[in-house]
Amino acid sequence: LVILFHLFGGHVLRFSDLERAIPGISQKMLIQQLRQMEKDGIVHRI
């Protein structure tokens, strides 16, 4: 949900920008969550 709220409104963010914007999330966890959301059709990876 935190990732979603950062991307709402048409925002396109680099991985490093998301990582900085979400304090407390590990790189591994961010990768896992983004991959799952991509697999589910919620997030597009460019």
ModelCIF file with pLDDT and N, C-alpha, C, O atoms, coordinates in Angstrom:
data_MODEL
#
_entry.id   MODEL 
#
_entity.id                         1 
_entity.type                       polymer 
_entity.pdbx_number_of_molecules   1 
#
_entity_poly.entity_id                      1 
_entity_poly.type                           'polypeptide(L)' 
_entity_poly.nstd_linkage                   no 
_entity_poly.nstd_monomer                   no 
_entity_poly.pdbx_seq_one_letter_code       LVILFHLFGGHVLRFSDLERAIPGISQKMLIQQLRQMEKDGIVHRI 
_entity_poly.pdbx_seq_one_letter_code_can   LVILFHLFGGHVLRFSDLERAIPGISQKMLIQQLRQMEKDGIVHRI 
_entity_poly.pdbx_strand_id                 A 
#
loop_
_entity_poly_seq.entity_id 
_entity_poly_seq.num 
_entity_poly_seq.mon_id 
_entity_poly_seq.hetero 
1 1  LEU n 
1 2  VAL n 
1 3  ILE n 
1 4  LEU n 
1 5  PHE n 
1 6  HIS n 
1 7  LEU n 
1 8  PHE n 
1 9  GLY n 
1 10 GLY n 
1 11 HIS n 
1 12 VAL n 
1 13 LEU n 
1 14 ARG n 
1 15 PHE n 
1 16 SER n 
1 17 ASP n 
1 18 LEU n 
1 19 GLU n 
1 20 ARG n 
1 21 ALA n 
1 22 ILE n 
1 23 PRO n 
1 24 GLY n 
1 25 ILE n 
1 26 SER n 
1 27 GLN n 
1 28 LYS n 
1 29 MET n 
1 30 LEU n 
1 31 ILE n 
1 32 GLN n 
1 33 GLN n 
1 34 LEU n 
1 35 ARG n 
1 36 GLN n 
1 37 MET n 
1 38 GLU n 
1 39 LYS n 
1 40 ASP n 
1 41 GLY n 
1 42 ILE n 
1 43 VAL n 
1 44 HIS n 
1 45 ARG n 
1 46 ILE n 
#
_struct_asym.id          A 
_struct_asym.entity_id   1 
#
loop_
_ma_qa_metric.id 
_ma_qa_metric.mode 
_ma_qa_metric.name 
_ma_qa_metric.software_group_id 
_ma_qa_metric.type 
1 global pLDDT . pLDDT 
2 local  pLDDT . pLDDT 
#
_ma_qa_metric_global.metric_id      1 
_ma_qa_metric_global.metric_value   96.35 
_ma_qa_metric_global.model_id       1 
_ma_qa_metric_global.ordinal_id     1 
#
loop_
_ma_qa_metric_local.label_asym_id 
_ma_qa_metric_local.label_comp_id 
_ma_qa_metric_local.label_seq_id 
_ma_qa_metric_local.metric_id 
_ma_qa_metric_local.metric_value 
_ma_qa_metric_local.model_id 
_ma_qa_metric_local.ordinal_id 
A LEU 1  2 96.00 1 1  
A VAL 2  2 96.00 1 2  
A ILE 3  2 97.00 1 3  
A LEU 4  2 96.00 1 4  
A PHE 5  2 96.00 1 5  
A HIS 6  2 97.00 1 6  
A LEU 7  2 97.00 1 7  
A PHE 8  2 96.00 1 8  
A GLY 9  2 93.00 1 9  
A GLY 10 2 93.00 1 10 
A HIS 11 2 96.00 1 11 
A VAL 12 2 97.00 1 12 
A LEU 13 2 97.00 1 13 
A ARG 14 2 96.00 1 14 
A PHE 15 2 95.00 1 15 
A SER 16 2 94.00 1 16 
A ASP 17 2 96.00 1 17 
A LEU 18 2 97.00 1 18 
A GLU 19 2 96.00 1 19 
A ARG 20 2 96.00 1 20 
A ALA 21 2 96.00 1 21 
A ILE 22 2 96.00 1 22 
A PRO 23 2 94.00 1 23 
A GLY 24 2 94.00 1 24 
A ILE 25 2 96.00 1 25 
A SER 26 2 96.00 1 26 
A GLN 27 2 96.00 1 27 
A LYS 28 2 97.00 1 28 
A MET 29 2 97.00 1 29 
A LEU 30 2 97.00 1 30 
A ILE 31 2 97.00 1 31 
A GLN 32 2 97.00 1 32 
A GLN 33 2 97.00 1 33 
A LEU 34 2 98.00 1 34 
A ARG 35 2 97.00 1 35 
A GLN 36 2 97.00 1 36 
A MET 37 2 97.00 1 37 
A GLU 38 2 98.00 1 38 
A LYS 39 2 97.00 1 39 
A ASP 40 2 97.00 1 40 
A GLY 41 2 97.00 1 41 
A ILE 42 2 97.00 1 42 
A VAL 43 2 98.00 1 43 
A HIS 44 2 98.00 1 44 
A ARG 45 2 97.00 1 45 
A ILE 46 2 97.00 1 46 
#
loop_
_atom_site.group_PDB 
_atom_site.id 
_atom_site.type_symbol 
_atom_site.label_atom_id 
_atom_site.label_alt_id 
_atom_site.label_comp_id 
_atom_site.label_asym_id 
_atom_site.label_entity_id 
_atom_site.label_seq_id 
_atom_site.pdbx_PDB_ins_code 
_atom_site.Cartn_x 
_atom_site.Cartn_y 
_atom_site.Cartn_z 
_atom_site.occupancy 
_atom_site.B_iso_or_equiv 
_atom_site.pdbx_formal_charge 
_atom_site.auth_seq_id 
_atom_site.auth_comp_id 
_atom_site.auth_asym_id 
_atom_site.auth_atom_id 
_atom_site.pdbx_PDB_model_num 
ATOM 1   N N  . LEU A 1 1  ? 0.829  -1.212  0.000   1.00 96.00 ? 1  LEU A N  1 
ATOM 2   C CA . LEU A 1 1  ? 0.000  0.000   0.000   1.00 96.00 ? 1  LEU A CA 1 
ATOM 3   C C  . LEU A 1 1  ? 0.863  1.261   0.000   1.00 96.00 ? 1  LEU A C  1 
ATOM 4   O O  . LEU A 1 1  ? 0.521  2.250   -0.648  1.00 96.00 ? 1  LEU A O  1 
ATOM 5   N N  . VAL A 1 2  ? 1.970  1.225   0.719   1.00 96.00 ? 2  VAL A N  1 
ATOM 6   C CA . VAL A 1 2  ? 2.878  2.380   0.734   1.00 96.00 ? 2  VAL A CA 1 
ATOM 7   C C  . VAL A 1 2  ? 3.426  2.621   -0.672  1.00 96.00 ? 2  VAL A C  1 
ATOM 8   O O  . VAL A 1 2  ? 3.479  3.759   -1.137  1.00 96.00 ? 2  VAL A O  1 
ATOM 9   N N  . ILE A 1 3  ? 3.828  1.554   -1.336  1.00 97.00 ? 3  ILE A N  1 
ATOM 10  C CA . ILE A 1 3  ? 4.327  1.663   -2.710  1.00 97.00 ? 3  ILE A CA 1 
ATOM 11  C C  . ILE A 1 3  ? 3.237  2.232   -3.613  1.00 97.00 ? 3  ILE A C  1 
ATOM 12  O O  . ILE A 1 3  ? 3.492  3.135   -4.410  1.00 97.00 ? 3  ILE A O  1 
ATOM 13  N N  . LEU A 1 4  ? 2.023  1.702   -3.486  1.00 96.00 ? 4  LEU A N  1 
ATOM 14  C CA . LEU A 1 4  ? 0.903  2.196   -4.304  1.00 96.00 ? 4  LEU A CA 1 
ATOM 15  C C  . LEU A 1 4  ? 0.705  3.693   -4.138  1.00 96.00 ? 4  LEU A C  1 
ATOM 16  O O  . LEU A 1 4  ? 0.562  4.418   -5.122  1.00 96.00 ? 4  LEU A O  1 
ATOM 17  N N  . PHE A 1 5  ? 0.696  4.160   -2.885  1.00 96.00 ? 5  PHE A N  1 
ATOM 18  C CA . PHE A 1 5  ? 0.440  5.577   -2.653  1.00 96.00 ? 5  PHE A CA 1 
ATOM 19  C C  . PHE A 1 5  ? 1.562  6.467   -3.198  1.00 96.00 ? 5  PHE A C  1 
ATOM 20  O O  . PHE A 1 5  ? 1.327  7.628   -3.533  1.00 96.00 ? 5  PHE A O  1 
ATOM 21  N N  . HIS A 1 6  ? 2.762  5.931   -3.285  1.00 97.00 ? 6  HIS A N  1 
ATOM 22  C CA . HIS A 1 6  ? 3.851  6.696   -3.909  1.00 97.00 ? 6  HIS A CA 1 
ATOM 23  C C  . HIS A 1 6  ? 3.694  6.775   -5.422  1.00 97.00 ? 6  HIS A C  1 
ATOM 24  O O  . HIS A 1 6  ? 4.160  7.727   -6.047  1.00 97.00 ? 6  HIS A O  1 
ATOM 25  N N  . LEU A 1 7  ? 3.041  5.778   -6.011  1.00 97.00 ? 7  LEU A N  1 
ATOM 26  C CA . LEU A 1 7  ? 2.910  5.729   -7.470  1.00 97.00 ? 7  LEU A CA 1 
ATOM 27  C C  . LEU A 1 7  ? 1.582  6.282   -7.991  1.00 97.00 ? 7  LEU A C  1 
ATOM 28  O O  . LEU A 1 7  ? 1.442  6.517   -9.191  1.00 97.00 ? 7  LEU A O  1 
ATOM 29  N N  . PHE A 1 8  ? 0.605  6.492   -7.099  1.00 96.00 ? 8  PHE A N  1 
ATOM 30  C CA . PHE A 1 8  ? -0.677 7.049   -7.541  1.00 96.00 ? 8  PHE A CA 1 
ATOM 31  C C  . PHE A 1 8  ? -0.468 8.404   -8.207  1.00 96.00 ? 8  PHE A C  1 
ATOM 32  O O  . PHE A 1 8  ? 0.498  9.108   -7.914  1.00 96.00 ? 8  PHE A O  1 
ATOM 33  N N  . GLY A 1 9  ? -1.362 8.753   -9.087  1.00 93.00 ? 9  GLY A N  1 
ATOM 34  C CA . GLY A 1 9  ? -1.306 10.048  -9.752  1.00 93.00 ? 9  GLY A CA 1 
ATOM 35  C C  . GLY A 1 9  ? -0.392 10.057  -10.963 1.00 93.00 ? 9  GLY A C  1 
ATOM 36  O O  . GLY A 1 9  ? 0.017  11.119  -11.432 1.00 93.00 ? 9  GLY A O  1 
ATOM 37  N N  . GLY A 1 10 ? -0.073 8.881   -11.465 1.00 93.00 ? 10 GLY A N  1 
ATOM 38  C CA . GLY A 1 10 ? 0.752  8.811   -12.665 1.00 93.00 ? 10 GLY A CA 1 
ATOM 39  C C  . GLY A 1 10 ? 2.240  8.965   -12.424 1.00 93.00 ? 10 GLY A C  1 
ATOM 40  O O  . GLY A 1 10 ? 3.002  9.141   -13.375 1.00 93.00 ? 10 GLY A O  1 
ATOM 41  N N  . HIS A 1 11 ? 2.670  8.903   -11.172 1.00 96.00 ? 11 HIS A N  1 
ATOM 42  C CA . HIS A 1 11 ? 4.095  9.036   -10.881 1.00 96.00 ? 11 HIS A CA 1 
ATOM 43  C C  . HIS A 1 11 ? 4.875  7.861   -11.449 1.00 96.00 ? 11 HIS A C  1 
ATOM 44  O O  . HIS A 1 11 ? 4.454  6.709   -11.343 1.00 96.00 ? 11 HIS A O  1 
ATOM 45  N N  . VAL A 1 12 ? 5.998  8.163   -12.042 1.00 97.00 ? 12 VAL A N  1 
ATOM 46  C CA . VAL A 1 12 ? 6.946  7.163   -12.526 1.00 97.00 ? 12 VAL A CA 1 
ATOM 47  C C  . VAL A 1 12 ? 8.212  7.360   -11.703 1.00 97.00 ? 12 VAL A C  1 
ATOM 48  O O  . VAL A 1 12 ? 8.852  8.410   -11.759 1.00 97.00 ? 12 VAL A O  1 
ATOM 49  N N  . LEU A 1 13 ? 8.560  6.324   -10.936 1.00 97.00 ? 13 LEU A N  1 
ATOM 50  C CA . LEU A 1 13 ? 9.696  6.456   -10.030 1.00 97.00 ? 13 LEU A CA 1 
ATOM 51  C C  . LEU A 1 13 ? 10.745 5.391   -10.300 1.00 97.00 ? 13 LEU A C  1 
ATOM 52  O O  . LEU A 1 13 ? 10.432 4.234   -10.580 1.00 97.00 ? 13 LEU A O  1 
ATOM 53  N N  . ARG A 1 14 ? 11.991 5.814   -10.206 1.00 96.00 ? 14 ARG A N  1 
ATOM 54  C CA . ARG A 1 14 ? 13.095 4.862   -10.297 1.00 96.00 ? 14 ARG A CA 1 
ATOM 55  C C  . ARG A 1 14 ? 13.117 4.026   -9.029  1.00 96.00 ? 14 ARG A C  1 
ATOM 56  O O  . ARG A 1 14 ? 12.604 4.434   -7.986  1.00 96.00 ? 14 ARG A O  1 
ATOM 57  N N  . PHE A 1 15 ? 13.713 2.859   -9.136  1.00 95.00 ? 15 PHE A N  1 
ATOM 58  C CA . PHE A 1 15 ? 13.827 1.975   -7.976  1.00 95.00 ? 15 PHE A CA 1 
ATOM 59  C C  . PHE A 1 15 ? 14.477 2.711   -6.812  1.00 95.00 ? 15 PHE A C  1 
ATOM 60  O O  . PHE A 1 15 ? 13.995 2.641   -5.681  1.00 95.00 ? 15 PHE A O  1 
ATOM 61  N N  . SER A 1 16 ? 15.573 3.417   -7.088  1.00 94.00 ? 16 SER A N  1 
ATOM 62  C CA . SER A 1 16 ? 16.296 4.120   -6.022  1.00 94.00 ? 16 SER A CA 1 
ATOM 63  C C  . SER A 1 16 ? 15.433 5.219   -5.388  1.00 94.00 ? 16 SER A C  1 
ATOM 64  O O  . SER A 1 16 ? 15.554 5.487   -4.192  1.00 94.00 ? 16 SER A O  1 
ATOM 65  N N  . ASP A 1 17 ? 14.569 5.851   -6.180  1.00 96.00 ? 17 ASP A N  1 
ATOM 66  C CA . ASP A 1 17 ? 13.673 6.882   -5.630  1.00 96.00 ? 17 ASP A CA 1 
ATOM 67  C C  . ASP A 1 17 ? 12.656 6.255   -4.676  1.00 96.00 ? 17 ASP A C  1 
ATOM 68  O O  . ASP A 1 17 ? 12.365 6.812   -3.618  1.00 96.00 ? 17 ASP A O  1 
ATOM 69  N N  . LEU A 1 18 ? 12.124 5.107   -5.052  1.00 97.00 ? 18 LEU A N  1 
ATOM 70  C CA . LEU A 1 18 ? 11.187 4.398   -4.171  1.00 97.00 ? 18 LEU A CA 1 
ATOM 71  C C  . LEU A 1 18 ? 11.888 3.970   -2.891  1.00 97.00 ? 18 LEU A C  1 
ATOM 72  O O  . LEU A 1 18 ? 11.340 4.093   -1.795  1.00 97.00 ? 18 LEU A O  1 
ATOM 73  N N  . GLU A 1 19 ? 13.085 3.476   -3.042  1.00 96.00 ? 19 GLU A N  1 
ATOM 74  C CA . GLU A 1 19 ? 13.855 3.028   -1.885  1.00 96.00 ? 19 GLU A CA 1 
ATOM 75  C C  . GLU A 1 19 ? 14.088 4.172   -0.898  1.00 96.00 ? 19 GLU A C  1 
ATOM 76  O O  . GLU A 1 19 ? 13.961 3.986   0.312   1.00 96.00 ? 19 GLU A O  1 
ATOM 77  N N  . ARG A 1 20 ? 14.427 5.350   -1.415  1.00 96.00 ? 20 ARG A N  1 
ATOM 78  C CA . ARG A 1 20 ? 14.643 6.523   -0.552  1.00 96.00 ? 20 ARG A CA 1 
ATOM 79  C C  . ARG A 1 20 ? 13.329 7.032   0.049   1.00 96.00 ? 20 ARG A C  1 
ATOM 80  O O  . ARG A 1 20 ? 13.306 7.520   1.179   1.00 96.00 ? 20 ARG A O  1 
ATOM 81  N N  . ALA A 1 21 ? 12.242 6.915   -0.710  1.00 96.00 ? 21 ALA A N  1 
ATOM 82  C CA . ALA A 1 21 ? 10.955 7.456   -0.271  1.00 96.00 ? 21 ALA A CA 1 
ATOM 83  C C  . ALA A 1 21 ? 10.281 6.609   0.808   1.00 96.00 ? 21 ALA A C  1 
ATOM 84  O O  . ALA A 1 21 ? 9.373  7.075   1.495   1.00 96.00 ? 21 ALA A O  1 
ATOM 85  N N  . ILE A 1 22 ? 10.732 5.360   0.951   1.00 96.00 ? 22 ILE A N  1 
ATOM 86  C CA . ILE A 1 22 ? 10.090 4.452   1.906   1.00 96.00 ? 22 ILE A CA 1 
ATOM 87  C C  . ILE A 1 22 ? 11.122 4.022   2.950   1.00 96.00 ? 22 ILE A C  1 
ATOM 88  O O  . ILE A 1 22 ? 11.767 2.985   2.800   1.00 96.00 ? 22 ILE A O  1 
ATOM 89  N N  . PRO A 1 23 ? 11.271 4.814   3.991   1.00 94.00 ? 23 PRO A N  1 
ATOM 90  C CA . PRO A 1 23 ? 12.253 4.461   5.017   1.00 94.00 ? 23 PRO A CA 1 
ATOM 91  C C  . PRO A 1 23 ? 11.849 3.158   5.708   1.00 94.00 ? 23 PRO A C  1 
ATOM 92  O O  . PRO A 1 23 ? 10.670 2.912   5.964   1.00 94.00 ? 23 PRO A O  1 
ATOM 93  N N  . GLY A 1 24 ? 12.832 2.351   5.995   1.00 94.00 ? 24 GLY A N  1 
ATOM 94  C CA . GLY A 1 24 ? 12.559 1.115   6.724   1.00 94.00 ? 24 GLY A CA 1 
ATOM 95  C C  . GLY A 1 24 ? 12.406 -0.107  5.834   1.00 94.00 ? 24 GLY A C  1 
ATOM 96  O O  . GLY A 1 24 ? 12.456 -1.229  6.338   1.00 94.00 ? 24 GLY A O  1 
ATOM 97  N N  . ILE A 1 25 ? 12.224 0.064   4.544   1.00 96.00 ? 25 ILE A N  1 
ATOM 98  C CA . ILE A 1 25 ? 12.090 -1.086  3.660   1.00 96.00 ? 25 ILE A CA 1 
ATOM 99  C C  . ILE A 1 25 ? 13.476 -1.502  3.177   1.00 96.00 ? 25 ILE A C  1 
ATOM 100 O O  . ILE A 1 25 ? 14.294 -0.667  2.790   1.00 96.00 ? 25 ILE A O  1 
ATOM 101 N N  . SER A 1 26 ? 13.720 -2.798  3.208   1.00 96.00 ? 26 SER A N  1 
ATOM 102 C CA . SER A 1 26 ? 15.005 -3.281  2.699   1.00 96.00 ? 26 SER A CA 1 
ATOM 103 C C  . SER A 1 26 ? 14.935 -3.376  1.182   1.00 96.00 ? 26 SER A C  1 
ATOM 104 O O  . SER A 1 26 ? 13.853 -3.454  0.601   1.00 96.00 ? 26 SER A O  1 
ATOM 105 N N  . GLN A 1 27 ? 16.088 -3.369  0.557   1.00 96.00 ? 27 GLN A N  1 
ATOM 106 C CA . GLN A 1 27 ? 16.150 -3.485  -0.894  1.00 96.00 ? 27 GLN A CA 1 
ATOM 107 C C  . GLN A 1 27 ? 15.510 -4.799  -1.350  1.00 96.00 ? 27 GLN A C  1 
ATOM 108 O O  . GLN A 1 27 ? 14.774 -4.835  -2.335  1.00 96.00 ? 27 GLN A O  1 
ATOM 109 N N  . LYS A 1 28 ? 15.801 -5.865  -0.623  1.00 97.00 ? 28 LYS A N  1 
ATOM 110 C CA . LYS A 1 28 ? 15.245 -7.186  -0.949  1.00 97.00 ? 28 LYS A CA 1 
ATOM 111 C C  . LYS A 1 28 ? 13.719 -7.168  -0.891  1.00 97.00 ? 28 LYS A C  1 
ATOM 112 O O  . LYS A 1 28 ? 13.057 -7.686  -1.791  1.00 97.00 ? 28 LYS A O  1 
ATOM 113 N N  . MET A 1 29 ? 13.163 -6.578  0.159   1.00 97.00 ? 29 MET A N  1 
ATOM 114 C CA . MET A 1 29 ? 11.709 -6.535  0.324   1.00 97.00 ? 29 MET A CA 1 
ATOM 115 C C  . MET A 1 29 ? 11.065 -5.675  -0.751  1.00 97.00 ? 29 MET A C  1 
ATOM 116 O O  . MET A 1 29 ? 10.012 -6.035  -1.278  1.00 97.00 ? 29 MET A O  1 
ATOM 117 N N  . LEU A 1 30 ? 11.683 -4.539  -1.087  1.00 97.00 ? 30 LEU A N  1 
ATOM 118 C CA . LEU A 1 30 ? 11.141 -3.677  -2.133  1.00 97.00 ? 30 LEU A CA 1 
ATOM 119 C C  . LEU A 1 30 ? 11.110 -4.422  -3.463  1.00 97.00 ? 30 LEU A C  1 
ATOM 120 O O  . LEU A 1 30 ? 10.129 -4.348  -4.203  1.00 97.00 ? 30 LEU A O  1 
ATOM 121 N N  . ILE A 1 31 ? 12.184 -5.135  -3.759  1.00 97.00 ? 31 ILE A N  1 
ATOM 122 C CA . ILE A 1 31 ? 12.227 -5.929  -4.990  1.00 97.00 ? 31 ILE A CA 1 
ATOM 123 C C  . ILE A 1 31 ? 11.122 -6.983  -4.994  1.00 97.00 ? 31 ILE A C  1 
ATOM 124 O O  . ILE A 1 31 ? 10.428 -7.151  -5.996  1.00 97.00 ? 31 ILE A O  1 
ATOM 125 N N  . GLN A 1 32 ? 10.959 -7.691  -3.879  1.00 97.00 ? 32 GLN A N  1 
ATOM 126 C CA . GLN A 1 32 ? 9.931  -8.735  -3.799  1.00 97.00 ? 32 GLN A CA 1 
ATOM 127 C C  . GLN A 1 32 ? 8.528  -8.166  -3.987  1.00 97.00 ? 32 GLN A C  1 
ATOM 128 O O  . GLN A 1 32 ? 7.720  -8.717  -4.735  1.00 97.00 ? 32 GLN A O  1 
ATOM 129 N N  . GLN A 1 33 ? 8.247  -7.061  -3.302  1.00 97.00 ? 33 GLN A N  1 
ATOM 130 C CA . GLN A 1 33 ? 6.909  -6.474  -3.378  1.00 97.00 ? 33 GLN A CA 1 
ATOM 131 C C  . GLN A 1 33 ? 6.625  -5.954  -4.789  1.00 97.00 ? 33 GLN A C  1 
ATOM 132 O O  . GLN A 1 33 ? 5.529  -6.152  -5.315  1.00 97.00 ? 33 GLN A O  1 
ATOM 133 N N  . LEU A 1 34 ? 7.610  -5.290  -5.401  1.00 98.00 ? 34 LEU A N  1 
ATOM 134 C CA . LEU A 1 34 ? 7.424  -4.775  -6.759  1.00 98.00 ? 34 LEU A CA 1 
ATOM 135 C C  . LEU A 1 34 ? 7.245  -5.909  -7.765  1.00 98.00 ? 34 LEU A C  1 
ATOM 136 O O  . LEU A 1 34 ? 6.412  -5.812  -8.667  1.00 98.00 ? 34 LEU A O  1 
ATOM 137 N N  . ARG A 1 35 ? 8.017  -6.976  -7.618  1.00 97.00 ? 35 ARG A N  1 
ATOM 138 C CA . ARG A 1 35 ? 7.877  -8.127  -8.529  1.00 97.00 ? 35 ARG A CA 1 
ATOM 139 C C  . ARG A 1 35 ? 6.492  -8.752  -8.414  1.00 97.00 ? 35 ARG A C  1 
ATOM 140 O O  . ARG A 1 35 ? 5.871  -9.093  -9.421  1.00 97.00 ? 35 ARG A O  1 
ATOM 141 N N  . GLN A 1 36 ? 6.014  -8.899  -7.177  1.00 97.00 ? 36 GLN A N  1 
ATOM 142 C CA . GLN A 1 36 ? 4.683  -9.480  -6.982  1.00 97.00 ? 36 GLN A CA 1 
ATOM 143 C C  . GLN A 1 36 ? 3.600  -8.580  -7.575  1.00 97.00 ? 36 GLN A C  1 
ATOM 144 O O  . GLN A 1 36 ? 2.664  -9.062  -8.213  1.00 97.00 ? 36 GLN A O  1 
ATOM 145 N N  . MET A 1 37 ? 3.733  -7.279  -7.363  1.00 97.00 ? 37 MET A N  1 
ATOM 146 C CA . MET A 1 37 ? 2.751  -6.337  -7.899  1.00 97.00 ? 37 MET A CA 1 
ATOM 147 C C  . MET A 1 37 ? 2.807  -6.304  -9.429  1.00 97.00 ? 37 MET A C  1 
ATOM 148 O O  . MET A 1 37 ? 1.783  -6.119  -10.087 1.00 97.00 ? 37 MET A O  1 
ATOM 149 N N  . GLU A 1 38 ? 3.993  -6.483  -9.984  1.00 98.00 ? 38 GLU A N  1 
ATOM 150 C CA . GLU A 1 38 ? 4.123  -6.555  -11.440 1.00 98.00 ? 38 GLU A CA 1 
ATOM 151 C C  . GLU A 1 38 ? 3.453  -7.825  -11.951 1.00 98.00 ? 38 GLU A C  1 
ATOM 152 O O  . GLU A 1 38 ? 2.721  -7.788  -12.940 1.00 98.00 ? 38 GLU A O  1 
ATOM 153 N N  . LYS A 1 39 ? 3.699  -8.947  -11.281 1.00 97.00 ? 39 LYS A N  1 
ATOM 154 C CA . LYS A 1 39 ? 3.094  -10.229 -11.653 1.00 97.00 ? 39 LYS A CA 1 
ATOM 155 C C  . LYS A 1 39 ? 1.568  -10.152 -11.587 1.00 97.00 ? 39 LYS A C  1 
ATOM 156 O O  . LYS A 1 39 ? 0.873  -10.746 -12.411 1.00 97.00 ? 39 LYS A O  1 
ATOM 157 N N  . ASP A 1 40 ? 1.055  -9.417  -10.603 1.00 97.00 ? 40 ASP A N  1 
ATOM 158 C CA . ASP A 1 40 ? -0.395 -9.282  -10.414 1.00 97.00 ? 40 ASP A CA 1 
ATOM 159 C C  . ASP A 1 40 ? -1.022 -8.254  -11.352 1.00 97.00 ? 40 ASP A C  1 
ATOM 160 O O  . ASP A 1 40 ? -2.244 -8.108  -11.377 1.00 97.00 ? 40 ASP A O  1 
ATOM 161 N N  . GLY A 1 41 ? -0.205 -7.544  -12.121 1.00 97.00 ? 41 GLY A N  1 
ATOM 162 C CA . GLY A 1 41 ? -0.730 -6.584  -13.089 1.00 97.00 ? 41 GLY A CA 1 
ATOM 163 C C  . GLY A 1 41 ? -1.032 -5.210  -12.513 1.00 97.00 ? 41 GLY A C  1 
ATOM 164 O O  . GLY A 1 41 ? -1.746 -4.422  -13.132 1.00 97.00 ? 41 GLY A O  1 
ATOM 165 N N  . ILE A 1 42 ? -0.495 -4.916  -11.332 1.00 97.00 ? 42 ILE A N  1 
ATOM 166 C CA . ILE A 1 42 ? -0.748 -3.638  -10.680 1.00 97.00 ? 42 ILE A CA 1 
ATOM 167 C C  . ILE A 1 42 ? 0.324  -2.606  -11.054 1.00 97.00 ? 42 ILE A C  1 
ATOM 168 O O  . ILE A 1 42 ? 0.034  -1.420  -11.216 1.00 97.00 ? 42 ILE A O  1 
ATOM 169 N N  . VAL A 1 43 ? 1.555  -3.077  -11.185 1.00 98.00 ? 43 VAL A N  1 
ATOM 170 C CA . VAL A 1 43 ? 2.701  -2.210  -11.452 1.00 98.00 ? 43 VAL A CA 1 
ATOM 171 C C  . VAL A 1 43 ? 3.320  -2.587  -12.793 1.00 98.00 ? 43 VAL A C  1 
ATOM 172 O O  . VAL A 1 43 ? 3.370  -3.759  -13.165 1.00 98.00 ? 43 VAL A O  1 
ATOM 173 N N  . HIS A 1 44 ? 3.787  -1.578  -13.505 1.00 98.00 ? 44 HIS A N  1 
ATOM 174 C CA . HIS A 1 44 ? 4.506  -1.784  -14.760 1.00 98.00 ? 44 HIS A CA 1 
ATOM 175 C C  . HIS A 1 44 ? 5.973  -1.438  -14.535 1.00 98.00 ? 44 HIS A C  1 
ATOM 176 O O  . HIS A 1 44 ? 6.296  -0.387  -13.981 1.00 98.00 ? 44 HIS A O  1 
ATOM 177 N N  . ARG A 1 45 ? 6.843  -2.320  -14.963 1.00 97.00 ? 45 ARG A N  1 
ATOM 178 C CA . ARG A 1 45 ? 8.291  -2.132  -14.813 1.00 97.00 ? 45 ARG A CA 1 
ATOM 179 C C  . ARG A 1 45 ? 8.861  -1.714  -16.164 1.00 97.00 ? 45 ARG A C  1 
ATOM 180 O O  . ARG A 1 45 ? 8.651  -2.381  -17.177 1.00 97.00 ? 45 ARG A O  1 
ATOM 181 N N  . ILE A 1 46 ? 9.580  -0.605  -16.159 1.00 97.00 ? 46 ILE A N  1 
ATOM 182 C CA . ILE A 1 46 ? 10.177 -0.074  -17.385 1.00 97.00 ? 46 ILE A CA 1 
ATOM 183 C C  . ILE A 1 46 ? 11.691 -0.175  -17.253 1.00 97.00 ? 46 ILE A C  1 
ATOM 184 O O  . ILE A 1 46 ? 12.418 0.213   -18.167 1.00 97.00 ? 46 ILE A O  1 
#
